[in-house]
Protein backbone atom coordinates (compact mmCIF):
# COMPACT_ATOMS: atom_id res chain seq x y z
CA MET A 1 0.92 13.62 30.25
CA THR A 2 -0.32 12.11 26.99
CA HIS A 3 -1.19 14.61 24.26
CA TRP A 4 -4.94 15.00 23.72
CA LEU A 5 -4.67 13.83 20.09
CA ILE A 6 -3.01 10.53 21.03
CA GLN A 7 -5.25 10.11 24.10
CA GLY A 8 -8.27 10.38 21.80
CA PHE A 9 -7.27 7.25 19.88
CA GLU A 10 -8.80 5.26 22.75
CA ASN A 11 -12.22 6.28 21.40
CA TYR A 12 -11.53 4.54 18.08
CA THR A 13 -9.43 1.51 19.06
CA GLU A 14 -10.95 -0.99 16.61
CA GLN A 15 -11.35 1.46 13.73
CA LEU A 16 -8.83 1.59 10.90
CA ALA A 17 -6.49 4.54 11.26
CA ILE A 18 -4.04 4.13 8.39
CA VAL A 19 -3.80 2.15 5.19
CA ASP A 20 -0.44 2.23 3.42
CA LYS A 21 1.32 0.02 0.87
CA LYS A 22 2.39 -2.38 3.66
CA GLY A 23 -1.04 -2.96 5.18
CA ALA A 24 -3.89 -1.66 7.33
CA TYR A 25 -3.52 -0.47 10.94
CA SER A 26 -6.08 0.31 13.62
CA TYR A 27 -6.03 3.24 16.04
CA GLN A 28 -5.00 0.74 18.72
CA ASP A 29 -2.04 -0.28 16.55
CA LEU A 30 -1.12 3.36 16.06
CA GLN A 31 -1.35 4.19 19.75
CA GLN A 32 0.81 1.18 20.62
CA GLN A 33 3.43 2.11 18.00
CA VAL A 34 3.58 5.68 19.32
CA SER A 35 4.06 4.30 22.84
CA ASP A 36 6.83 1.96 21.65
CA TYR A 37 8.66 4.81 19.89
CA CYS A 38 8.33 7.06 22.94
CA ALA A 39 9.85 4.35 25.13
CA SER A 40 12.77 3.67 22.77
CA LEU A 41 13.50 7.34 22.00
CA HIS A 42 12.96 8.84 25.45
CA ASP A 43 16.65 8.75 26.36
CA GLN A 44 17.80 9.90 22.90
CA LEU A 45 15.50 12.87 22.26
CA ASP A 46 15.60 15.69 24.78
CA SER A 47 12.63 18.02 25.06
CA GLY A 48 13.08 20.84 22.56
CA CYS A 49 15.70 19.11 20.40
CA VAL A 50 15.47 19.49 16.61
CA VAL A 51 14.63 16.16 14.98
CA VAL A 52 14.68 15.60 11.22
CA ILE A 53 12.49 12.75 9.94
CA LEU A 54 13.58 11.59 6.49
CA SER A 55 10.49 9.85 5.14
CA ASP A 56 7.26 10.24 3.23
CA TYR A 57 3.95 9.16 4.72
CA SER A 58 3.65 5.65 6.15
CA PHE A 59 2.16 4.09 9.27
CA TYR A 60 5.57 4.21 10.93
CA SER A 61 6.45 7.79 9.94
CA ILE A 62 3.10 9.01 11.31
CA ALA A 63 3.67 7.11 14.56
CA LEU A 64 7.18 8.62 14.76
CA LEU A 65 5.84 12.13 14.18
CA LEU A 66 3.32 11.63 16.99
CA ALA A 67 6.02 10.26 19.30
CA CYS A 68 8.14 13.37 18.62
CA ILE A 69 5.11 15.51 19.52
CA GLU A 70 4.64 13.53 22.72
CA LEU A 71 8.31 14.10 23.60
CA ASN A 72 8.01 17.86 22.93
CA THR A 73 10.63 17.97 20.19
CA ILE A 74 10.88 20.30 17.21
CA VAL A 75 10.09 18.12 14.19
CA VAL A 76 11.43 18.68 10.67
CA PRO A 77 9.79 16.26 8.18
CA ILE A 78 11.74 16.03 4.91
CA VAL A 79 10.54 14.01 1.95
CA SER A 80 13.88 13.21 0.36
CA THR A 81 14.48 14.46 -3.18
CA ASN A 82 18.26 14.36 -3.38
CA GLU A 83 21.08 14.14 -0.87
CA GLN A 84 22.40 17.66 -1.43
CA GLU A 85 18.98 19.25 -0.93
CA ASP A 86 18.42 17.12 2.18
CA ASN A 87 21.79 18.21 3.62
CA ASP A 88 21.02 21.87 2.88
CA LYS A 89 17.74 21.63 4.77
CA ILE A 90 19.36 19.73 7.65
CA ASN A 91 21.94 22.50 8.03
CA VAL A 92 19.39 25.32 7.71
CA CYS A 93 17.20 23.91 10.49
CA GLY A 94 20.13 23.16 12.78
CA ALA A 95 19.16 19.51 13.17
CA GLN A 96 20.44 17.79 16.30
CA VAL A 97 19.09 14.33 15.47
CA ILE A 98 18.35 12.76 12.08
CA ILE A 99 16.03 9.77 11.91
CA ASN A 100 15.98 7.95 8.59
CA LEU A 101 12.95 5.71 8.51
CA LYS A 102 13.30 2.50 6.53
CA ASN A 103 10.19 0.40 7.02
CA SER A 104 9.79 0.17 10.80
CA ALA A 105 13.53 0.38 11.53
CA LEU A 106 14.89 3.71 12.71
CA SER A 107 18.36 4.80 11.66
CA ILE A 108 19.28 7.47 14.23
CA LYS A 109 22.18 9.89 13.86
CA ALA A 110 23.01 12.51 16.49
CA LEU A 111 24.72 15.73 15.38
CA VAL A 112 26.81 17.96 17.62
CA ARG A 113 26.28 21.70 17.06
CA SER A 114 28.19 24.24 19.11
CA GLU A 115 26.42 27.21 17.50
CA TYR A 116 23.26 27.74 15.52
CA SER A 117 21.85 31.06 14.27
CA GLY A 118 18.20 30.02 14.70
CA ALA A 119 18.55 29.01 18.34
CA GLN A 120 16.81 32.14 19.65
CA LEU A 121 13.69 31.46 17.58
CA TYR A 122 13.56 27.89 18.86
CA GLN A 123 13.86 29.11 22.44
CA SER A 124 10.31 30.47 22.44
CA ILE A 125 9.08 26.91 21.76
CA ARG A 126 11.32 25.41 24.42
CA ASP A 127 10.34 27.95 27.07
CA LYS A 128 6.69 26.90 26.73
CA GLN A 129 7.61 23.18 26.61
CA HIS A 130 5.70 22.93 23.34
CA SER A 131 6.43 20.82 20.28
CA GLY A 132 7.53 22.61 17.12
CA LEU A 133 7.31 22.05 13.37
CA VAL A 134 9.67 23.28 10.65
CA LEU A 135 8.37 23.28 7.08
CA PHE A 136 10.20 24.38 3.95
CA SER A 137 8.75 26.36 1.06
CA SER A 138 8.82 24.76 -2.40
CA GLY A 139 11.85 26.86 -3.40
CA SER A 140 10.44 27.56 -6.87
CA THR A 141 11.72 31.15 -6.71
CA GLY A 142 15.02 30.77 -4.88
CA LYS A 143 16.25 28.80 -1.88
CA PRO A 144 13.52 27.16 0.23
CA LYS A 145 12.51 29.17 3.30
CA ALA A 146 12.46 27.32 6.63
CA MET A 147 9.35 28.23 8.63
CA LEU A 148 8.90 27.53 12.33
CA HIS A 149 5.43 26.70 13.68
CA ASP A 150 4.43 26.24 17.29
CA LEU A 151 3.08 22.74 16.68
CA SER A 152 1.21 22.64 20.00
CA VAL A 153 -0.76 25.74 18.98
CA LEU A 154 -1.33 24.38 15.47
CA LEU A 155 -2.65 21.10 16.85
CA ASP A 156 -5.06 22.84 19.21
CA SER A 157 -6.96 24.15 16.16
CA TYR A 158 -8.00 20.54 15.42
CA GLN A 159 -9.35 19.84 18.91
CA HIS A 160 -13.09 19.23 19.36
CA LYS A 161 -13.55 17.86 15.82
CA ARG A 162 -16.59 15.63 15.52
CA ALA A 163 -15.92 11.92 15.04
CA LYS A 164 -16.54 10.76 11.46
CA LYS A 165 -16.33 7.26 10.00
CA ILE A 166 -14.92 8.31 6.65
CA ALA A 167 -11.88 7.50 4.51
CA ILE A 168 -9.64 10.36 3.42
CA MET A 169 -6.81 10.21 0.88
CA ILE A 170 -3.65 11.96 2.07
CA PHE A 171 -2.44 13.23 -1.28
CA LEU A 172 0.00 16.02 -0.42
CA LEU A 173 3.40 15.21 1.03
CA PHE A 174 4.56 14.63 4.62
CA ASP A 175 6.51 17.94 4.58
CA HIS A 176 3.71 20.09 3.11
CA ILE A 177 1.26 22.16 5.19
CA GLY A 178 -1.65 20.73 3.17
CA GLY A 179 -0.56 17.14 3.81
CA ILE A 180 -0.03 17.83 7.53
CA ASN A 181 -3.47 19.49 7.67
CA THR A 182 -5.17 16.45 6.12
CA LEU A 183 -3.38 14.09 8.50
CA PHE A 184 -4.35 15.99 11.66
CA ASN A 185 -7.94 16.33 10.43
CA CYS A 186 -8.06 12.55 9.93
CA LEU A 187 -6.60 11.63 13.28
CA SER A 188 -8.67 14.14 15.26
CA MET A 189 -11.90 12.73 13.76
CA GLY A 190 -11.03 9.04 14.01
CA ALA A 191 -11.15 8.80 10.21
CA LYS A 192 -9.22 6.37 8.01
CA ALA A 193 -6.15 7.88 6.34
CA VAL A 194 -5.30 6.27 2.99
CA LEU A 195 -1.68 6.78 1.92
CA PRO A 196 -1.00 6.48 -1.83
CA ALA A 197 2.23 5.20 -3.33
CA PRO A 198 2.92 6.17 -6.04
CA ARG A 199 0.88 9.36 -6.53
CA THR A 200 -0.24 8.63 -10.09
CA ALA A 201 -3.75 8.94 -11.50
CA ASP A 202 -4.04 5.17 -11.87
CA ALA A 203 -2.74 4.38 -8.37
CA ILE A 204 -4.98 7.01 -6.76
CA ALA A 205 -8.09 5.79 -8.61
CA LYS A 206 -7.35 2.17 -7.71
CA LEU A 207 -7.02 3.09 -4.02
CA ILE A 208 -10.25 5.10 -4.09
CA GLU A 209 -12.06 2.00 -5.34
CA GLN A 210 -10.29 -0.44 -2.98
CA GLU A 211 -10.55 1.61 0.21
CA GLN A 212 -13.86 3.35 -0.58
CA VAL A 213 -12.28 6.76 -0.17
CA ASN A 214 -14.79 9.53 0.55
CA ILE A 215 -12.60 12.64 0.39
CA LEU A 216 -9.85 13.35 -2.14
CA PRO A 217 -7.66 16.42 -1.61
CA ALA A 218 -5.66 17.27 -4.74
CA SER A 219 -4.16 20.03 -6.84
CA PRO A 220 -5.84 21.32 -10.02
CA THR A 221 -2.88 20.00 -12.03
CA PHE A 222 -3.43 16.49 -10.65
CA LEU A 223 -7.21 16.67 -11.17
CA ASN A 224 -6.60 17.53 -14.83
CA SER A 225 -4.32 14.49 -15.20
CA LEU A 226 -6.99 12.38 -13.49
CA LEU A 227 -9.52 13.41 -16.15
CA LEU A 228 -7.09 12.94 -19.04
CA SER A 229 -6.07 9.44 -17.89
CA ASP A 230 -9.66 8.23 -18.27
CA VAL A 231 -9.62 6.42 -14.92
CA LEU A 232 -13.34 7.06 -14.50
CA SER A 233 -14.08 4.39 -17.11
CA ARG A 234 -11.74 1.85 -15.48
CA TYR A 235 -12.40 2.28 -11.76
CA ASP A 236 -15.46 2.71 -9.56
CA LEU A 237 -15.05 6.10 -7.88
CA SER A 238 -18.63 6.31 -6.63
CA SER A 239 -17.51 6.35 -2.97
CA LEU A 240 -16.21 9.91 -3.38
CA ARG A 241 -18.33 12.51 -1.60
CA MET A 242 -15.94 15.45 -1.75
CA ILE A 243 -12.95 16.64 -3.75
CA THR A 244 -10.96 19.50 -2.26
CA TYR A 245 -8.48 21.44 -4.36
CA GLY A 246 -5.71 23.88 -3.55
CA THR A 247 -1.93 24.63 -3.70
CA GLU A 248 -2.41 26.60 -6.96
CA THR A 249 -5.11 28.64 -8.70
CA MET A 250 -7.85 26.55 -10.32
CA PRO A 251 -8.71 27.45 -13.95
CA GLU A 252 -12.45 28.04 -14.15
CA SER A 253 -12.82 25.87 -17.24
CA LEU A 254 -11.08 22.97 -15.47
CA LEU A 255 -13.42 23.31 -12.48
CA GLN A 256 -16.41 22.92 -14.82
CA ARG A 257 -14.87 19.81 -16.38
CA VAL A 258 -14.22 18.27 -12.95
CA LYS A 259 -17.81 19.05 -11.93
CA ALA A 260 -19.15 17.43 -15.10
CA ALA A 261 -17.04 14.33 -14.48
CA PHE A 262 -18.11 14.10 -10.80
CA PRO A 263 -21.66 15.55 -10.79
CA ARG A 264 -22.61 14.11 -7.37
CA VAL A 265 -19.37 15.07 -5.64
CA LYS A 266 -19.03 18.28 -3.63
CA LEU A 267 -16.09 20.38 -4.83
CA LEU A 268 -14.47 22.59 -2.22
CA GLN A 269 -11.60 24.99 -2.68
CA THR A 270 -9.18 24.94 0.25
CA PHE A 271 -7.06 27.92 1.13
CA GLY A 272 -4.03 28.51 3.28
CA THR A 273 -0.33 29.18 3.27
CA SER A 274 2.68 27.52 4.85
CA GLU A 275 3.11 30.72 6.87
CA THR A 276 -0.41 30.99 8.30
CA GLY A 277 -1.79 27.44 8.18
CA ILE A 278 -4.93 26.20 6.40
CA ALA A 279 -7.95 28.46 6.88
CA GLN A 280 -11.52 27.22 7.19
CA VAL A 281 -13.45 28.34 4.10
CA THR A 282 -16.78 27.75 2.40
CA SER A 283 -17.41 27.74 -1.34
CA ARG A 284 -20.36 29.51 -2.92
CA SER A 285 -21.07 26.25 -4.77
CA SER A 286 -19.25 23.29 -6.30
CA SER A 287 -19.15 25.03 -9.67
CA SER A 288 -17.90 28.36 -8.30
CA LEU A 289 -14.41 29.59 -7.47
CA ASP A 290 -15.84 32.03 -4.91
CA ILE A 291 -14.86 31.33 -1.31
CA LYS A 292 -15.61 32.91 2.05
CA ILE A 293 -13.04 32.78 4.86
CA ASP A 294 -15.07 31.93 7.95
CA ASP A 295 -12.32 30.74 10.27
CA PRO A 296 -12.49 32.15 13.83
CA ASN A 297 -8.69 31.82 14.01
CA THR A 298 -8.03 33.82 10.83
CA ASP A 299 -8.55 37.47 9.87
CA TYR A 300 -8.08 38.87 6.38
CA LYS A 301 -7.96 42.17 4.52
CA ILE A 302 -7.30 43.20 0.93
CA ILE A 303 -4.55 45.72 0.20
CA ASP A 304 -4.20 46.94 -3.43
CA GLY A 305 -5.88 43.78 -4.71
CA GLU A 306 -3.70 41.40 -2.66
CA LEU A 307 -4.92 39.19 0.17
CA TRP A 308 -3.37 39.68 3.62
CA LEU A 309 -3.89 37.21 6.48
CA LYS A 310 -3.36 37.12 10.21
CA SER A 311 -3.95 33.84 12.04
CA GLN A 312 -3.47 32.30 15.45
CA THR A 313 -1.58 29.45 13.77
CA GLN A 314 0.93 31.50 11.81
CA ILE A 315 4.66 30.89 11.99
CA LEU A 316 6.93 32.31 14.65
CA GLY A 317 9.39 33.28 11.92
CA TYR A 318 11.83 32.07 9.27
CA LEU A 319 15.08 30.34 10.22
CA ASN A 320 16.91 31.53 7.10
CA ALA A 321 15.09 34.61 5.80
CA SER A 322 13.75 37.98 6.89
CA THR A 323 10.08 38.43 7.71
CA GLY A 324 9.68 40.89 4.84
CA HIS A 325 6.28 39.54 3.82
CA PHE A 326 4.93 40.24 7.32
CA SER A 327 3.88 43.73 8.43
CA LYS A 328 5.06 45.10 11.77
CA ASP A 329 1.65 44.32 13.27
CA GLY A 330 1.72 40.70 12.12
CA TRP A 331 -0.19 40.65 8.82
CA PHE A 332 1.12 38.28 6.13
CA CYS A 333 0.98 39.38 2.48
CA THR A 334 0.06 36.18 0.66
CA GLY A 335 0.85 37.45 -2.85
CA ASP A 336 -2.54 36.20 -4.01
CA ARG A 337 -4.52 38.55 -6.24
CA VAL A 338 -8.21 38.51 -5.29
CA GLU A 339 -11.52 40.01 -6.27
CA GLN A 340 -14.25 40.50 -3.66
CA SER A 341 -17.96 40.41 -4.40
CA ASP A 342 -20.54 42.60 -2.69
CA ASP A 343 -21.66 39.70 -0.48
CA GLY A 344 -18.17 39.06 0.88
CA TYR A 345 -16.99 36.16 -1.27
CA LEU A 346 -13.41 36.17 -2.55
CA LYS A 347 -12.11 34.89 -5.87
CA ILE A 348 -8.40 34.14 -6.21
CA ILE A 349 -7.37 35.25 -9.69
CA GLY A 350 -3.64 34.55 -9.61
CA ARG A 351 -0.29 35.32 -8.02
CA THR A 352 1.32 38.75 -8.11
CA LYS A 353 4.77 37.28 -8.86
CA GLU A 354 3.34 35.41 -11.89
CA MET A 355 1.81 38.53 -13.45
CA ILE A 356 3.05 39.33 -16.97
CA ASN A 357 3.60 43.00 -17.83
CA VAL A 358 2.95 43.54 -21.55
CA GLY A 359 3.75 47.18 -22.23
CA GLY A 360 2.06 48.24 -18.99
CA GLU A 361 -0.92 45.91 -19.40
CA LYS A 362 -1.11 43.22 -16.70
CA VAL A 363 -1.84 39.62 -17.65
CA LEU A 364 -2.61 36.86 -15.14
CA PRO A 365 -1.55 33.50 -16.64
CA ILE A 366 -4.47 31.59 -15.13
CA GLU A 367 -7.00 33.62 -17.16
CA VAL A 368 -5.28 32.71 -20.43
CA GLU A 369 -4.81 29.09 -19.37
CA SER A 370 -8.47 28.77 -18.46
CA PHE A 371 -9.45 29.86 -21.96
CA LEU A 372 -6.87 27.67 -23.72
CA LEU A 373 -8.13 24.60 -21.85
CA THR A 374 -11.52 25.04 -23.52
CA ILE A 375 -9.99 24.55 -26.99
CA GLU A 376 -10.39 21.07 -28.42
CA GLY A 377 -7.03 19.32 -28.68
CA VAL A 378 -5.44 21.18 -25.74
CA ASP A 379 -4.91 18.71 -22.87
CA ASP A 380 -2.90 21.04 -20.66
CA CYS A 381 -0.98 24.30 -20.86
CA LEU A 382 1.37 26.61 -19.00
CA VAL A 383 1.38 30.36 -19.66
CA TYR A 384 4.45 32.40 -18.72
CA ALA A 385 6.38 35.58 -19.52
CA LYS A 386 9.01 35.93 -22.25
CA ASN A 387 11.26 38.94 -22.63
CA ASN A 388 10.29 41.28 -25.46
CA ALA A 389 12.37 44.18 -26.82
CA ILE A 390 9.32 46.36 -27.48
CA THR A 391 6.79 45.57 -24.73
CA GLY A 392 9.21 44.41 -22.04
CA GLN A 393 7.41 41.10 -21.70
CA ALA A 394 5.15 39.03 -23.90
CA VAL A 395 2.89 36.05 -23.28
CA ALA A 396 4.19 32.58 -24.16
CA VAL A 397 2.60 29.19 -23.66
CA ASP A 398 3.63 25.54 -23.56
CA ILE A 399 0.89 23.24 -24.83
CA VAL A 400 0.40 19.54 -24.17
CA SER A 401 -1.80 18.43 -27.02
CA ASP A 402 -4.10 15.51 -27.50
CA LYS A 403 -2.02 12.73 -29.08
CA SER A 404 -4.36 12.54 -32.06
CA ALA A 405 -4.22 16.29 -32.77
CA ASP A 406 -2.45 17.72 -35.83
CA LYS A 407 -0.12 20.27 -34.18
CA LYS A 408 -0.02 22.60 -37.18
CA LEU A 409 -3.82 22.78 -37.39
CA LEU A 410 -4.12 23.04 -33.62
CA LYS A 411 -1.73 26.01 -33.52
CA GLN A 412 -3.82 27.74 -36.18
CA SER A 413 -6.99 27.04 -34.20
CA ILE A 414 -5.44 28.38 -31.00
CA ARG A 415 -4.33 31.61 -32.65
CA LYS A 416 -7.71 32.12 -34.32
CA GLN A 417 -9.73 31.53 -31.16
CA CYS A 418 -7.41 33.68 -29.03
CA PHE A 419 -7.82 36.61 -31.45
CA THR A 420 -11.59 36.19 -31.20
CA HIS A 421 -11.91 35.87 -27.41
CA LEU A 422 -8.89 37.51 -25.75
CA ALA A 423 -7.64 41.09 -25.58
CA ARG A 424 -4.70 41.48 -27.96
CA PHE A 425 -2.10 41.92 -25.19
CA LYS A 426 -3.19 38.60 -23.61
CA ILE A 427 -2.68 36.55 -26.77
CA PRO A 428 0.37 34.26 -26.67
CA THR A 429 3.02 35.42 -29.14
CA GLN A 430 4.85 32.11 -28.81
CA ILE A 431 3.19 28.68 -28.77
CA HIS A 432 5.36 25.66 -28.00
CA PHE A 433 4.22 22.04 -28.03
CA VAL A 434 5.74 19.88 -25.29
CA GLU A 435 5.36 16.27 -24.19
CA HIS A 436 4.63 17.23 -20.59
CA LEU A 437 4.67 20.25 -18.29
CA CYS A 438 7.13 20.76 -15.46
CA VAL A 439 5.31 19.86 -12.24
CA GLY A 440 6.97 20.23 -8.83
CA ASN A 441 6.81 17.80 -5.92
CA ARG A 442 3.89 19.84 -4.54
CA PHE A 443 1.89 18.73 -7.63
CA LYS A 444 1.58 22.20 -9.11
CA LYS A 445 2.94 23.68 -12.30
CA MET A 446 6.36 25.27 -12.19
CA ARG A 447 6.14 28.73 -13.74
CA LEU A 448 8.78 29.67 -16.31
CA HIS A 449 10.37 33.07 -16.86
CA SER A 450 12.99 34.42 -19.24
């Protein structure tokens, strides 16, 4: 029986489904390619087998993903970074088949595994004859965790979406919960998915103009680079109706700059985790960081200032880690520090693991970064902890400065303004000028510690 998502393509046969660097493809093209893959892979992929797809987004990788769903396999998308990391992930997930996608050609390799420690977790998917999805964490604080989703359950949360003739940029990667969320939203609504390559400010802006993109999901770090690259003066971005932002905490000062640059565009903060899926939220306004979780599939509570979630789309477990961040009754501790207003809105103020302890005083890097970004000459910054013999930790910052700025004068200005506007324990004791900040493949800043 054809999956409801693929069956629904018949309602949009002539509409464009996907635009990638190779061309434009209709929903009829996509449905046909899924059918072709199902026919060619039927004898090679048993129901419930673990299939690694080595690829980023393309028309063919999306069709292959859908074919794997149709065949009730457990899919592991991996956007290749290096061979060793790929092999580590392949071993962790217990892959039985690896499909390396080069253009439309499939390079298929079957692996024989006599034993695998995660087999019991997979069995719950197989018993239901559901499809599964394995995603890996970014691995910024240790080895990436492999998370198992019941993909059939996850997909059901996109059913009954209203059809919309809009164009959506798929900015986040093929192996990221945010990228997967955008894709399934697109396909369930009959929207046009625009796939960027490369993911640079110039390439994204050019595609927005060419394909009349209406919705741009992005990270705050990328939005800042978009503003700094001055693409607004070189491309027509007037088709944009909405910019959604997530993956990391948004500095309030950056939000105001984005709003000023796109005054007619609705700005919406998205929220979710790889463990619980993307929750439906509403923002108080485009210029506010306040959000309200109004998802019927998601419950939340706040414990000691941290946000805890429980959702119908949360993972079945980790393949290579304990479920220590989950309570016995199924609540997931997100690690996000939040404030709640009297009318029920939440404001994410940072991550617990990023908090800097200066002699017992707690500093959230995003607060300091938000202030520093208001200082003329500061293009971008990254605040982090440095060891200190007296206070235990101290605040340090890497600054990307405007190319025309005198660094000596800028450092003096930063110190002076910090002393005027910040509590003493929040003031950076070390200021370093760098050419660029370290940004991970999830398009968010990589926090430093010493």
